Amino acid sequence: MKKILTALLLVSSLTSFSQSEIIIGQYFLKLGNEKHQIEYRLNLKADGTFEFHSYINNQNGIPPIVHKYGKGTWILDDKVVSFLTNKEKDLNEKYTLDFSGSKARFVTKPLRDKTDRVVRTRLKFFESKIFWIEGLDIFKT
């Protein structure tokens, strides 16, 4: 009985570790045209931290170029990534975006799907206090 329980615990811990390994990496989204460009970059690191960069180049805007940054920690629960920002440690003059309470679903092609359809690996934000983050799909590079 002890061997069975030990095996089950080992398999479940390896499964959660492998999910974390798959999700780690760079995510990117580019929108717009030559007059209005928006780029989002998200880096999920293996140590459980993240960095986010938003770049907006709007030739008609004031100011025309805007950079916004965010950082903090992330945790994976099943296929939901939760983002946390420590206001004392992570926020400063450069890093102003508070990702606390932001959640994204990790979307990938299911292993059982043997069709030729292409499903790009991405994070789909479904909850955030940052209004322009909610609903955003950002793709793994």
Protein backbone atom coordinates (compact mmCIF):
# COMPACT_ATOMS: atom_id res chain seq x y z
CA MET A 1 0.00 0.00 0.00
CA LYS A 2 2.84 2.38 0.86
CA LYS A 3 4.49 1.67 -2.50
CA ILE A 4 1.27 2.47 -4.38
CA LEU A 5 0.79 5.76 -2.51
CA THR A 6 4.42 6.70 -3.06
CA ALA A 7 4.12 5.95 -6.78
CA LEU A 8 0.93 8.02 -7.07
CA LEU A 9 2.53 10.98 -5.29
CA LEU A 10 5.60 10.75 -7.50
CA VAL A 11 3.55 10.65 -10.70
CA SER A 12 1.37 13.58 -9.64
CA SER A 13 4.39 15.71 -8.70
CA LEU A 14 6.11 14.90 -12.00
CA THR A 15 2.95 15.82 -13.90
CA SER A 16 2.69 19.22 -12.22
CA PHE A 17 6.42 19.83 -12.75
CA SER A 18 6.15 18.98 -16.46
CA GLN A 19 3.20 21.38 -16.85
CA SER A 20 5.30 24.16 -15.33
CA GLU A 21 8.18 23.37 -17.68
CA ILE A 22 5.89 23.62 -20.72
CA ILE A 23 4.50 27.01 -19.70
CA ILE A 24 7.89 28.65 -18.99
CA GLY A 25 9.16 30.94 -21.73
CA GLN A 26 8.57 34.05 -23.82
CA TYR A 27 5.12 35.21 -24.96
CA PHE A 28 4.57 37.93 -27.57
CA LEU A 29 1.74 39.72 -29.38
CA LYS A 30 2.03 42.46 -32.02
CA LEU A 31 -1.00 44.44 -33.22
CA GLY A 32 -1.63 47.42 -35.45
CA ASN A 33 -0.16 49.02 -38.56
CA GLU A 34 2.53 51.59 -39.40
CA LYS A 35 0.62 54.44 -37.69
CA HIS A 36 -0.44 52.62 -34.53
CA GLN A 37 1.61 49.71 -33.18
CA ILE A 38 1.13 47.77 -29.96
CA GLU A 39 3.47 45.07 -28.69
CA TYR A 40 3.14 42.94 -25.57
CA ARG A 41 5.97 40.79 -24.20
CA LEU A 42 5.67 38.44 -21.24
CA ASN A 43 8.52 36.36 -19.86
CA LEU A 44 7.59 33.55 -17.45
CA LYS A 45 10.76 32.40 -15.70
CA ALA A 46 11.49 29.02 -14.15
CA ASP A 47 12.01 30.58 -10.71
CA GLY A 48 8.32 31.59 -10.60
CA THR A 49 8.83 35.25 -11.53
CA PHE A 50 7.62 37.16 -14.58
CA GLU A 51 8.30 40.39 -16.44
CA PHE A 52 5.83 42.16 -18.72
CA HIS A 53 6.48 44.95 -21.23
CA SER A 54 3.88 46.90 -23.20
CA TYR A 55 5.04 49.10 -26.08
CA ILE A 56 2.63 51.49 -27.82
CA ASN A 57 3.69 53.61 -30.79
CA ASN A 58 0.77 55.85 -31.77
CA GLN A 59 1.89 58.63 -34.11
CA ASN A 60 -1.24 60.64 -33.25
CA GLY A 61 -0.95 60.06 -29.51
CA ILE A 62 0.39 62.28 -26.76
CA PRO A 63 2.99 61.05 -26.04
CA PRO A 64 3.46 59.07 -29.27
CA ILE A 65 5.50 56.27 -27.65
CA VAL A 66 4.52 54.68 -24.33
CA HIS A 67 6.33 51.90 -22.44
CA LYS A 68 4.68 50.16 -19.49
CA TYR A 69 6.29 47.48 -17.35
CA GLY A 70 5.15 44.96 -14.78
CA LYS A 71 6.79 42.21 -12.75
CA GLY A 72 6.06 39.82 -9.94
CA THR A 73 5.49 36.13 -9.36
CA TRP A 74 3.28 33.54 -11.02
CA ILE A 75 1.83 30.21 -9.96
CA LEU A 76 0.22 27.47 -12.03
CA ASP A 77 -2.90 25.68 -10.80
CA ASP A 78 -4.09 23.11 -13.36
CA LYS A 79 -4.15 25.28 -16.53
CA VAL A 80 -4.71 28.63 -14.82
CA VAL A 81 -1.76 30.95 -14.27
CA SER A 82 -2.24 33.43 -11.42
CA PHE A 83 -0.08 36.55 -11.26
CA LEU A 84 0.91 38.34 -8.05
CA THR A 85 2.69 41.67 -7.58
CA ASN A 86 4.25 42.63 -4.27
CA LYS A 87 3.58 46.37 -4.05
CA GLU A 88 6.63 47.09 -1.86
CA LYS A 89 9.10 44.91 -3.76
CA ASP A 90 7.92 44.81 -7.39
CA LEU A 91 6.50 48.28 -8.02
CA ASN A 92 8.74 51.30 -8.60
CA GLU A 93 9.19 54.15 -11.11
CA LYS A 94 9.76 51.73 -14.01
CA TYR A 95 7.49 48.82 -13.03
CA THR A 96 4.08 50.43 -12.52
CA LEU A 97 1.63 47.70 -13.61
CA ASP A 98 0.05 45.81 -10.70
CA PHE A 99 -0.78 42.30 -11.93
CA SER A 100 -2.25 41.17 -8.58
CA GLY A 101 -5.46 39.28 -9.21
CA SER A 102 -4.69 38.72 -12.91
CA LYS A 103 -5.39 35.23 -14.21
CA ALA A 104 -4.76 33.60 -17.58
CA ARG A 105 -5.65 30.22 -19.01
CA PHE A 106 -2.83 28.21 -20.61
CA VAL A 107 -4.13 27.04 -23.99
CA THR A 108 -2.40 24.38 -26.06
CA LYS A 109 -3.41 21.62 -28.45
CA PRO A 110 -4.74 18.65 -26.45
CA LEU A 111 -2.54 15.55 -26.58
CA ARG A 112 -5.52 13.47 -27.71
CA ASP A 113 -6.18 15.76 -30.69
CA LYS A 114 -4.62 13.90 -33.63
CA THR A 115 -6.03 16.22 -36.32
CA ASP A 116 -3.93 18.55 -38.46
CA ARG A 117 -5.44 21.71 -36.98
CA VAL A 118 -2.97 24.19 -35.60
CA VAL A 119 -3.48 25.49 -32.07
CA ARG A 120 -0.87 28.06 -31.11
CA THR A 121 0.26 27.80 -27.50
CA ARG A 122 -0.87 30.92 -25.67
CA LEU A 123 -2.02 32.55 -22.47
CA LYS A 124 -5.55 33.96 -22.53
CA PHE A 125 -6.14 36.51 -19.79
CA PHE A 126 -9.67 36.21 -18.41
CA GLU A 127 -9.39 38.26 -15.22
CA SER A 128 -7.38 41.38 -14.40
CA LYS A 129 -7.64 44.75 -12.69
CA ILE A 130 -5.76 46.15 -15.72
CA PHE A 131 -8.69 46.67 -18.10
CA TRP A 132 -6.73 46.30 -21.33
CA ILE A 133 -5.15 43.00 -20.22
CA GLU A 134 -8.48 41.21 -19.73
CA GLY A 135 -9.34 39.23 -22.87
CA LEU A 136 -5.78 39.43 -24.25
CA ASP A 137 -4.31 36.40 -26.03
CA ILE A 138 -0.51 36.41 -25.95
CA PHE A 139 1.32 33.69 -27.91
CA LYS A 140 4.35 31.63 -26.94
CA THR A 141 7.40 32.24 -29.13
